[in-house]
N, C-alpha and C. Protein backbone atom coordinates (compact mmCIF):
# COMPACT_ATOMS: atom_id res chain seq x y z
N MET A 1 0.88 -0.99 -0.08
CA MET A 1 -0.21 0.00 0.02
C MET A 1 0.80 1.29 0.33
N SER A 2 0.26 2.12 -0.76
CA SER A 2 1.39 3.44 -0.69
C SER A 2 1.20 4.61 0.24
N ARG A 3 2.25 5.15 0.62
CA ARG A 3 2.28 5.83 1.36
C ARG A 3 1.72 7.41 1.29
N ARG A 4 1.75 7.50 -0.12
CA ARG A 4 1.53 8.84 -0.60
C ARG A 4 -0.07 9.17 -0.27
N ARG A 5 -0.15 10.30 0.01
CA ARG A 5 -1.62 11.15 0.41
C ARG A 5 -2.35 11.38 -1.19
N TYR A 6 -1.22 11.97 -1.63
CA TYR A 6 -1.86 12.75 -3.22
C TYR A 6 -1.29 11.74 -4.61
N LYS A 7 -2.02 11.60 -5.36
CA LYS A 7 -1.58 10.94 -6.61
C LYS A 7 -0.57 11.73 -7.46
N ARG A 8 0.57 11.21 -7.83
CA ARG A 8 1.59 11.91 -8.61
C ARG A 8 1.33 11.93 -9.94
N TYR A 9 1.81 12.69 -10.57
CA TYR A 9 1.70 13.23 -12.15
C TYR A 9 3.12 13.43 -12.65
N THR A 10 3.49 12.89 -13.84
CA THR A 10 4.84 12.92 -14.44
C THR A 10 4.73 14.09 -15.16
N ARG A 11 5.06 15.46 -14.76
CA ARG A 11 5.38 16.36 -15.44
C ARG A 11 6.80 17.29 -15.40
N ARG A 12 7.26 17.37 -16.67
CA ARG A 12 8.62 17.95 -16.44
C ARG A 12 8.47 19.41 -16.95
N LEU A 13 8.88 20.25 -15.59
CA LEU A 13 8.36 21.62 -15.87
C LEU A 13 9.71 22.58 -15.30
N GLU A 14 10.02 23.40 -15.88
CA GLU A 14 11.58 24.23 -15.12
C GLU A 14 11.18 24.59 -13.72
N VAL A 15 12.36 24.56 -12.76
CA VAL A 15 11.91 25.11 -11.79
C VAL A 15 13.02 25.91 -11.08
N GLU A 16 12.76 27.14 -10.62
CA GLU A 16 14.03 27.85 -10.13
C GLU A 16 13.65 27.71 -8.81
N PHE A 17 14.41 27.54 -7.72
CA PHE A 17 14.40 27.37 -6.26
C PHE A 17 15.52 27.91 -5.69
N SER A 18 15.23 28.42 -4.25
CA SER A 18 16.15 29.37 -3.54
C SER A 18 15.84 29.26 -2.17
N ALA A 19 16.90 29.21 -1.56
CA ALA A 19 16.85 29.50 -0.02
C ALA A 19 17.93 30.33 0.46
N GLY A 20 17.50 31.39 0.95
CA GLY A 20 18.35 32.36 1.66
C GLY A 20 18.90 33.17 0.13
N GLU A 21 20.20 33.12 0.00
CA GLU A 21 21.05 33.99 -0.89
C GLU A 21 21.11 32.60 -2.28
N TYR A 22 20.81 31.65 -1.93
CA TYR A 22 21.06 30.66 -3.04
C TYR A 22 20.15 30.30 -3.96
N THR A 23 20.43 30.29 -5.16
CA THR A 23 19.41 30.13 -6.28
C THR A 23 19.66 29.31 -7.34
N PHE A 24 18.70 28.31 -7.62
CA PHE A 24 19.54 27.27 -8.45
C PHE A 24 18.10 26.69 -9.49
N LYS A 25 18.33 26.36 -10.57
CA LYS A 25 17.62 25.42 -11.29
C LYS A 25 17.50 24.32 -11.75
N GLY A 26 16.35 23.74 -11.74
CA GLY A 26 16.12 22.03 -12.06
C GLY A 26 14.97 21.65 -12.37
N ILE A 27 14.54 20.71 -12.60
CA ILE A 27 13.24 20.24 -13.50
C ILE A 27 12.18 19.27 -12.62
N SER A 28 11.22 19.54 -12.74
CA SER A 28 10.51 18.68 -12.23
C SER A 28 9.99 17.41 -12.56
N SER A 29 10.21 16.27 -11.66
CA SER A 29 9.94 15.01 -12.58
C SER A 29 8.54 14.59 -12.37
N ASN A 30 8.24 14.48 -11.04
CA ASN A 30 6.56 14.55 -10.97
C ASN A 30 5.95 15.38 -9.97
N ILE A 31 4.73 15.83 -10.01
CA ILE A 31 4.10 16.91 -9.16
C ILE A 31 2.85 16.08 -8.82
N SER A 32 2.47 16.50 -7.55
CA SER A 32 1.08 16.37 -6.95
C SER A 32 0.49 17.75 -6.37
N GLU A 33 -0.75 17.39 -5.80
CA GLU A 33 -1.28 18.58 -5.43
C GLU A 33 -0.49 19.26 -4.07
N ARG A 34 0.28 18.81 -3.37
CA ARG A 34 1.17 19.29 -2.03
C ARG A 34 2.66 18.90 -2.18
N GLY A 35 2.95 18.63 -3.67
CA GLY A 35 4.41 18.15 -3.54
C GLY A 35 5.05 17.79 -4.92
N LEU A 36 6.29 18.14 -5.07
CA LEU A 36 6.69 17.92 -6.27
C LEU A 36 8.12 17.37 -5.90
N PHE A 37 8.93 16.43 -7.03
CA PHE A 37 10.23 15.85 -6.87
C PHE A 37 11.06 16.99 -8.01
N ILE A 38 12.23 17.52 -7.76
CA ILE A 38 13.00 18.36 -8.60
C ILE A 38 14.10 17.86 -8.82
N ARG A 39 14.50 17.49 -10.29
CA ARG A 39 15.69 17.00 -10.24
C ARG A 39 16.61 17.88 -10.39
N THR A 40 18.04 17.80 -9.57
CA THR A 40 18.80 18.85 -9.65
C THR A 40 20.29 17.97 -9.03
N GLN A 41 21.18 18.73 -9.22
CA GLN A 41 22.49 18.64 -8.36
C GLN A 41 22.80 18.87 -7.55
N LYS A 42 21.91 19.90 -7.21
CA LYS A 42 22.15 20.85 -6.13
C LYS A 42 20.90 21.07 -4.91
N GLY A 43 20.51 19.80 -4.56
CA GLY A 43 19.62 19.73 -3.51
C GLY A 43 20.03 19.82 -2.18
N PHE A 44 18.94 20.82 -1.39
CA PHE A 44 19.08 21.16 -0.35
C PHE A 44 18.89 20.15 0.69
N VAL A 45 19.45 20.60 2.27
CA VAL A 45 19.14 19.71 3.29
C VAL A 45 17.57 19.47 3.66
N PRO A 46 16.98 18.16 4.11
CA PRO A 46 15.83 17.93 4.36
C PRO A 46 15.44 19.03 5.75
N GLY A 47 14.25 19.72 5.55
CA GLY A 47 14.17 20.69 6.67
C GLY A 47 14.03 22.05 5.92
N THR A 48 14.98 22.29 4.94
CA THR A 48 15.15 23.73 4.50
C THR A 48 14.07 24.34 3.72
N ARG A 49 13.47 25.39 4.22
CA ARG A 49 12.47 25.87 3.72
C ARG A 49 12.69 26.53 2.39
N ILE A 50 12.43 26.36 1.05
CA ILE A 50 12.53 27.08 -0.16
C ILE A 50 11.45 27.55 -0.75
N GLU A 51 11.79 28.87 -1.69
CA GLU A 51 10.77 29.13 -2.67
C GLU A 51 10.88 28.94 -4.23
N MET A 52 9.88 28.72 -4.62
CA MET A 52 10.06 27.96 -6.00
C MET A 52 9.71 28.72 -7.14
N LYS A 53 9.66 28.95 -8.14
CA LYS A 53 8.84 29.63 -9.36
C LYS A 53 9.01 28.49 -10.53
N LEU A 54 7.68 27.87 -10.47
CA LEU A 54 7.47 26.70 -11.40
C LEU A 54 6.97 27.49 -12.75
N ARG A 55 7.37 27.23 -14.22
CA ARG A 55 7.21 27.67 -15.09
C ARG A 55 6.04 26.68 -15.55
N LEU A 56 4.86 27.11 -15.79
CA LEU A 56 3.75 26.37 -16.31
C LEU A 56 3.85 25.88 -17.56
N PRO A 57 2.96 25.16 -18.26
CA PRO A 57 2.95 24.91 -19.79
C PRO A 57 2.50 25.87 -20.62
N ASP A 58 1.97 26.95 -20.00
CA ASP A 58 1.18 28.10 -20.92
C ASP A 58 2.18 29.32 -20.94
N GLY A 59 3.29 28.85 -20.28
CA GLY A 59 4.22 30.29 -19.85
C GLY A 59 4.24 31.11 -18.57
N SER A 60 3.25 31.06 -18.04
CA SER A 60 2.90 31.74 -16.76
C SER A 60 3.84 30.99 -15.89
N VAL A 61 4.25 31.90 -14.54
CA VAL A 61 5.14 31.38 -13.76
C VAL A 61 4.14 31.47 -12.23
N SER A 62 4.29 30.20 -11.37
CA SER A 62 3.72 30.09 -10.58
C SER A 62 4.83 30.14 -9.39
N ASN A 63 4.15 30.92 -8.10
CA ASN A 63 5.13 31.20 -6.95
C ASN A 63 4.68 30.23 -5.83
N LEU A 64 5.67 29.16 -5.59
CA LEU A 64 5.24 28.44 -4.34
C LEU A 64 6.47 28.32 -3.09
N LYS A 65 5.87 28.06 -2.13
CA LYS A 65 6.85 27.81 -0.94
C LYS A 65 6.60 26.31 -0.65
N GLY A 66 8.06 26.21 -0.16
CA GLY A 66 8.18 24.73 0.57
C GLY A 66 8.77 24.16 1.44
N ILE A 67 9.02 22.81 1.82
CA ILE A 67 9.80 22.47 2.84
C ILE A 67 10.40 21.02 2.17
N VAL A 68 12.03 21.23 2.01
CA VAL A 68 12.53 20.01 1.25
C VAL A 68 12.23 19.01 2.39
N ARG A 69 11.69 17.68 2.01
CA ARG A 69 11.55 16.40 2.75
C ARG A 69 12.71 15.31 2.62
N ARG A 70 13.08 15.35 1.67
CA ARG A 70 14.30 14.47 1.26
C ARG A 70 15.24 14.75 0.05
N THR A 71 16.16 14.84 0.07
CA THR A 71 17.25 14.78 -0.88
C THR A 71 18.16 13.19 -1.11
N ILE A 72 18.17 13.55 -2.39
CA ILE A 72 18.91 12.34 -3.02
C ILE A 72 20.23 12.75 -3.82
N LYS A 73 21.32 12.46 -3.50
CA LYS A 73 22.47 12.80 -4.16
C LYS A 73 23.50 11.48 -4.26
N THR A 74 23.77 11.12 -5.51
CA THR A 74 24.80 9.98 -6.15
C THR A 74 25.31 10.24 -7.06
N ARG A 75 26.32 9.66 -7.18
CA ARG A 75 27.46 9.85 -8.59
C ARG A 75 26.76 8.86 -9.45
N HIS A 76 25.60 8.07 -9.49
CA HIS A 76 25.41 7.16 -10.51
C HIS A 76 24.21 7.92 -11.40
N SER A 77 24.10 7.69 -12.80
CA SER A 77 23.30 8.34 -13.64
C SER A 77 21.94 7.86 -13.58
N PHE A 78 21.94 6.53 -13.19
CA PHE A 78 20.38 5.72 -13.39
C PHE A 78 19.81 6.21 -12.62
N ILE A 79 20.10 6.81 -11.28
CA ILE A 79 19.33 7.30 -10.20
C ILE A 79 18.99 8.62 -10.25
N LYS A 80 17.55 9.13 -9.96
CA LYS A 80 17.38 10.48 -9.93
C LYS A 80 18.01 11.25 -8.49
N ASN A 81 18.89 12.07 -9.14
CA ASN A 81 19.40 13.40 -7.79
C ASN A 81 18.38 14.21 -7.93
N GLY A 82 18.15 14.71 -6.91
CA GLY A 82 17.01 15.95 -6.57
C GLY A 82 16.53 15.79 -5.50
N MET A 83 15.52 16.20 -5.13
CA MET A 83 15.03 16.67 -3.83
C MET A 83 13.34 16.46 -4.04
N GLY A 84 12.77 16.06 -2.95
CA GLY A 84 11.31 15.98 -2.67
C GLY A 84 10.95 17.09 -1.94
N VAL A 85 10.06 17.85 -2.38
CA VAL A 85 9.61 19.29 -1.77
C VAL A 85 8.14 18.79 -1.45
N GLU A 86 7.55 19.51 -0.10
CA GLU A 86 6.28 19.14 0.40
C GLU A 86 6.01 20.93 0.01
N ILE A 87 4.58 21.13 -0.82
CA ILE A 87 4.41 22.36 -0.93
C ILE A 87 3.70 22.97 0.23
N THR A 88 3.84 23.77 0.90
CA THR A 88 3.45 24.87 1.78
C THR A 88 2.20 25.79 1.54
N GLU A 89 2.89 26.46 0.24
CA GLU A 89 2.11 27.73 0.23
C GLU A 89 2.19 27.74 -1.55
N HIS A 90 0.59 28.05 -1.89
CA HIS A 90 0.51 27.76 -3.44
C HIS A 90 -0.27 29.27 -3.84
N ASP A 91 -0.71 29.49 -5.45
CA ASP A 91 -0.91 30.56 -5.67
C ASP A 91 -2.02 29.99 -6.91
N PRO A 92 -2.99 30.88 -6.94
CA PRO A 92 -3.85 30.19 -7.99
C PRO A 92 -3.75 30.01 -9.32
N LEU A 93 -2.41 30.29 -9.63
CA LEU A 93 -1.96 29.43 -10.96
C LEU A 93 -1.62 28.14 -10.83
N PHE A 94 -0.92 27.76 -9.79
CA PHE A 94 -1.05 26.47 -9.44
C PHE A 94 -2.17 25.75 -9.24
N GLU A 95 -3.11 26.05 -8.12
CA GLU A 95 -4.17 25.92 -8.16
C GLU A 95 -4.87 25.26 -9.41
N GLY A 96 -5.15 26.25 -10.21
CA GLY A 96 -5.50 25.93 -11.46
C GLY A 96 -4.94 25.00 -12.32
N PHE A 97 -3.47 24.91 -12.41
CA PHE A 97 -2.83 24.14 -13.39
C PHE A 97 -3.18 22.40 -12.73
N VAL A 98 -3.09 22.41 -11.51
CA VAL A 98 -3.50 21.20 -10.85
C VAL A 98 -4.72 20.83 -10.96
N ARG A 99 -5.78 21.61 -11.03
CA ARG A 99 -7.03 21.39 -11.39
C ARG A 99 -7.50 20.71 -12.92
N GLN A 100 -7.06 21.63 -13.65
CA GLN A 100 -6.91 21.18 -15.11
C GLN A 100 -6.23 20.53 -15.79
N GLU A 101 -4.91 20.32 -15.56
CA GLU A 101 -3.79 20.02 -16.46
C GLU A 101 -3.71 18.29 -15.54
N LEU A 102 -3.75 18.40 -14.41
CA LEU A 102 -3.24 16.85 -13.86
C LEU A 102 -4.34 16.34 -13.29
N THR A 103 -5.30 17.04 -12.69
CA THR A 103 -6.41 15.74 -12.16
C THR A 103 -7.60 15.73 -13.48
N GLY A 104 -7.66 16.68 -14.16
CA GLY A 104 -8.65 16.55 -15.52
C GLY A 104 -10.03 16.94 -14.92
N GLN A 105 -10.13 17.86 -13.97
CA GLN A 105 -11.38 18.25 -13.56
C GLN A 105 -12.06 19.02 -13.86
N ALA A 106 -11.65 20.01 -14.68
CA ALA A 106 -12.21 21.06 -15.83
C ALA A 106 -12.64 20.40 -17.02
N GLY A 107 -12.55 19.31 -17.41
CA GLY A 107 -13.15 18.74 -18.62
C GLY A 107 -11.91 18.10 -19.03
N GLU A 108 -12.23 17.44 -20.58
CA GLU A 108 -11.01 16.54 -21.03
C GLU A 108 -10.22 17.76 -22.04
N ARG A 109 -8.91 17.31 -22.21
CA ARG A 109 -7.65 18.15 -22.79
C ARG A 109 -8.06 18.02 -23.93
N THR A 110 -7.92 19.47 -24.68
CA THR A 110 -7.94 19.42 -26.32
C THR A 110 -6.93 19.98 -26.75
N GLY A 111 -6.73 20.49 -27.73
CA GLY A 111 -5.35 20.44 -28.60
C GLY A 111 -4.99 21.75 -28.05
N THR A 112 -5.80 22.61 -27.29
CA THR A 112 -5.38 24.47 -26.60
C THR A 112 -5.05 24.53 -25.63
N VAL A 113 -4.13 24.93 -25.18
CA VAL A 113 -3.82 25.39 -23.66
C VAL A 113 -4.30 26.62 -23.62
N LYS A 114 -5.05 26.98 -22.59
CA LYS A 114 -5.76 28.62 -22.35
C LYS A 114 -4.22 29.13 -21.44
N ASN A 115 -4.50 30.55 -21.70
CA ASN A 115 -3.39 31.10 -20.99
C ASN A 115 -4.04 31.33 -19.61
N ARG A 116 -3.58 30.87 -18.24
CA ARG A 116 -4.01 31.06 -17.28
C ARG A 116 -3.57 32.23 -16.45
N ALA A 117 -2.59 32.98 -17.12
CA ALA A 117 -2.49 34.69 -16.72
C ALA A 117 -3.51 35.06 -17.02
N THR A 118 -3.91 35.25 -17.97
CA THR A 118 -5.28 35.87 -18.42
C THR A 118 -6.27 35.66 -17.54
N GLU A 119 -6.66 34.43 -17.20
CA GLU A 119 -7.80 34.04 -16.59
C GLU A 119 -7.47 34.60 -15.06
N ALA A 120 -6.57 34.30 -14.63
CA ALA A 120 -6.42 34.99 -13.27
C ALA A 120 -6.63 36.32 -13.15
N SER A 121 -6.16 37.33 -14.23
CA SER A 121 -6.25 38.44 -14.33
C SER A 121 -7.71 39.06 -14.54
N GLY A 122 -8.78 38.16 -14.58
CA GLY A 122 -9.98 38.61 -14.65
C GLY A 122 -10.53 38.71 -16.26
N ASP A 123 -9.72 38.40 -17.45
CA ASP A 123 -10.10 38.84 -18.74
C ASP A 123 -11.18 37.44 -19.35
N PRO A 124 -12.34 37.39 -19.06
CA PRO A 124 -12.93 36.12 -18.96
C PRO A 124 -13.05 35.92 -20.85
N ALA A 125 -13.14 37.45 -21.49
CA ALA A 125 -13.06 37.14 -22.97
C ALA A 125 -11.83 36.56 -23.54
N GLY A 126 -10.73 36.42 -22.73
CA GLY A 126 -9.68 35.70 -23.42
C GLY A 126 -9.05 36.65 -24.46
N THR A 127 -8.99 37.66 -24.08
CA THR A 127 -8.42 38.58 -25.73
C THR A 127 -7.14 38.22 -25.92
N ASN A 128 -6.09 37.70 -25.31
CA ASN A 128 -4.80 37.24 -25.40
C ASN A 128 -5.17 35.90 -26.07
N LYS A 129 -4.69 35.43 -27.35
CA LYS A 129 -4.61 34.50 -28.16
C LYS A 129 -4.47 33.05 -27.33
N ASP A 130 -5.27 32.03 -27.20
CA ASP A 130 -4.75 30.80 -26.95
C ASP A 130 -3.65 30.14 -27.66
N ARG A 131 -2.66 29.58 -27.11
CA ARG A 131 -1.64 28.64 -27.47
C ARG A 131 -2.12 27.16 -27.89
N GLU A 132 -1.82 27.02 -29.26
CA GLU A 132 -1.93 25.52 -29.51
C GLU A 132 -0.70 25.01 -29.41
N TYR A 133 -0.83 23.40 -29.30
CA TYR A 133 0.14 22.87 -29.14
C TYR A 133 0.40 21.22 -29.96
N VAL A 134 1.24 20.63 -30.25
CA VAL A 134 1.36 19.14 -30.99
C VAL A 134 2.24 18.35 -30.24
N ILE A 135 2.04 17.03 -30.41
CA ILE A 135 2.63 16.12 -29.23
C ILE A 135 3.66 15.50 -30.63
N LEU A 136 4.91 15.71 -29.91
CA LEU A 136 5.98 15.25 -30.80
C LEU A 136 6.52 13.73 -30.30
N LYS A 137 6.56 12.50 -30.74
CA LYS A 137 6.97 11.25 -29.97
C LYS A 137 8.72 11.62 -30.50
N CYS A 138 9.54 11.23 -28.82
CA CYS A 138 10.73 11.13 -29.31
C CYS A 138 11.24 10.03 -30.10
N PRO A 139 12.10 10.10 -31.09
CA PRO A 139 12.52 8.70 -31.78
C PRO A 139 13.43 7.90 -31.12
N SER A 140 14.26 8.51 -29.78
CA SER A 140 14.85 7.65 -29.15
C SER A 140 14.19 6.89 -27.89
N CYS A 141 13.61 7.47 -27.11
CA CYS A 141 12.78 6.77 -26.06
C CYS A 141 11.18 6.77 -26.26
N SER A 142 10.52 7.07 -27.17
CA SER A 142 9.13 6.99 -27.45
C SER A 142 8.25 7.96 -26.53
N VAL A 143 8.72 8.95 -25.97
CA VAL A 143 7.95 9.49 -24.82
C VAL A 143 7.29 10.85 -25.47
N ASN A 144 6.20 11.08 -25.54
CA ASN A 144 5.43 11.92 -26.24
C ASN A 144 5.57 13.39 -25.58
N ASN A 145 6.02 14.42 -25.99
CA ASN A 145 6.59 15.60 -25.77
C ASN A 145 5.17 16.23 -26.20
N ARG A 146 4.73 17.34 -25.48
CA ARG A 146 3.60 18.40 -25.70
C ARG A 146 4.68 19.54 -25.78
N VAL A 147 4.85 20.03 -27.18
CA VAL A 147 5.24 21.54 -27.80
C VAL A 147 4.46 22.53 -28.20
N PRO A 148 4.46 23.61 -27.90
CA PRO A 148 3.60 24.70 -28.39
C PRO A 148 4.08 24.81 -30.00
N THR A 149 3.06 25.15 -30.88
CA THR A 149 3.30 25.28 -32.15
C THR A 149 4.52 26.40 -32.44
N ALA A 150 4.38 27.41 -31.49
CA ALA A 150 5.31 28.55 -31.86
C ALA A 150 6.62 27.89 -31.52
N TYR A 151 7.30 27.15 -30.84
CA TYR A 151 8.32 26.41 -30.90
C TYR A 151 8.81 25.70 -31.77
N LEU A 152 8.19 25.26 -32.93
CA LEU A 152 8.49 24.54 -33.59
C LEU A 152 9.45 24.40 -34.66
N SER A 153 9.75 25.88 -34.84
CA SER A 153 11.13 26.18 -35.38
C SER A 153 12.34 26.27 -34.84
N LYS A 154 12.23 25.93 -33.48
CA LYS A 154 13.73 25.99 -32.83
C LYS A 154 14.20 24.48 -32.70
N SER A 155 15.29 24.16 -32.27
CA SER A 155 15.86 22.84 -31.97
C SER A 155 15.33 22.29 -30.97
N LEU A 156 14.32 21.50 -31.06
CA LEU A 156 13.71 20.89 -30.15
C LEU A 156 14.33 19.69 -29.14
N LYS A 157 14.38 19.56 -27.87
CA LYS A 157 15.09 18.22 -27.19
C LYS A 157 13.87 17.75 -26.17
N CYS A 158 13.90 16.35 -26.24
CA CYS A 158 13.10 15.44 -25.49
C CYS A 158 13.27 15.87 -23.92
N GLY A 159 11.96 15.83 -23.32
CA GLY A 159 11.91 16.53 -21.80
C GLY A 159 12.57 15.55 -21.12
N LYS A 160 12.50 14.33 -21.55
CA LYS A 160 13.02 13.01 -20.77
C LYS A 160 14.61 12.62 -20.94
N CYS A 161 15.01 12.27 -22.25
CA CYS A 161 16.16 11.75 -22.63
C CYS A 161 17.18 12.75 -22.81
N GLY A 162 16.54 13.95 -23.50
CA GLY A 162 17.48 14.86 -24.33
C GLY A 162 17.72 14.95 -25.63
N ALA A 163 17.19 14.00 -26.18
CA ALA A 163 17.50 13.67 -27.71
C ALA A 163 16.89 14.70 -28.44
N SER A 164 17.18 14.87 -29.71
CA SER A 164 16.67 15.93 -30.59
C SER A 164 15.20 15.19 -31.12
N LEU A 165 14.29 16.05 -31.05
CA LEU A 165 12.96 15.87 -31.78
C LEU A 165 12.63 16.09 -33.12
N THR A 166 14.12 16.82 -33.72
CA THR A 166 13.59 17.02 -35.13
C THR A 166 14.33 16.14 -36.07
């Protein structure tokens, strides 16, 4: 039986995290309503209070606060280095992301990602254009990568293995 209280969802998003004067970047490996695992070589000691900036799929940035619960540091490449963080404070952007993208309570996903920054600012008409995306399968590891159509002209890499998607 699992000890987890909240279901984990695999999402690879950029995370900038800081404690005091130290600021580092990492990639989220999985996310739940109240926690996330950040893949990084610069993990903090368990018990450290940190502030995080999570870049959501629509380009907006969610500000979170949390406590490091566990840290994994090893020289082996097959083990995920990083830290598990319990989220203690979150903003409405993160709440909407969890509700819509992770748990799917707002309906089924279509081929369009709504701009949550616009929704949070109270623009019900959605005057900012919605972003469309495509799913590209990695030729190396077969993982599906969701890519905004505006990024298709750039050199794209797989979120899991880092191989080129072009």
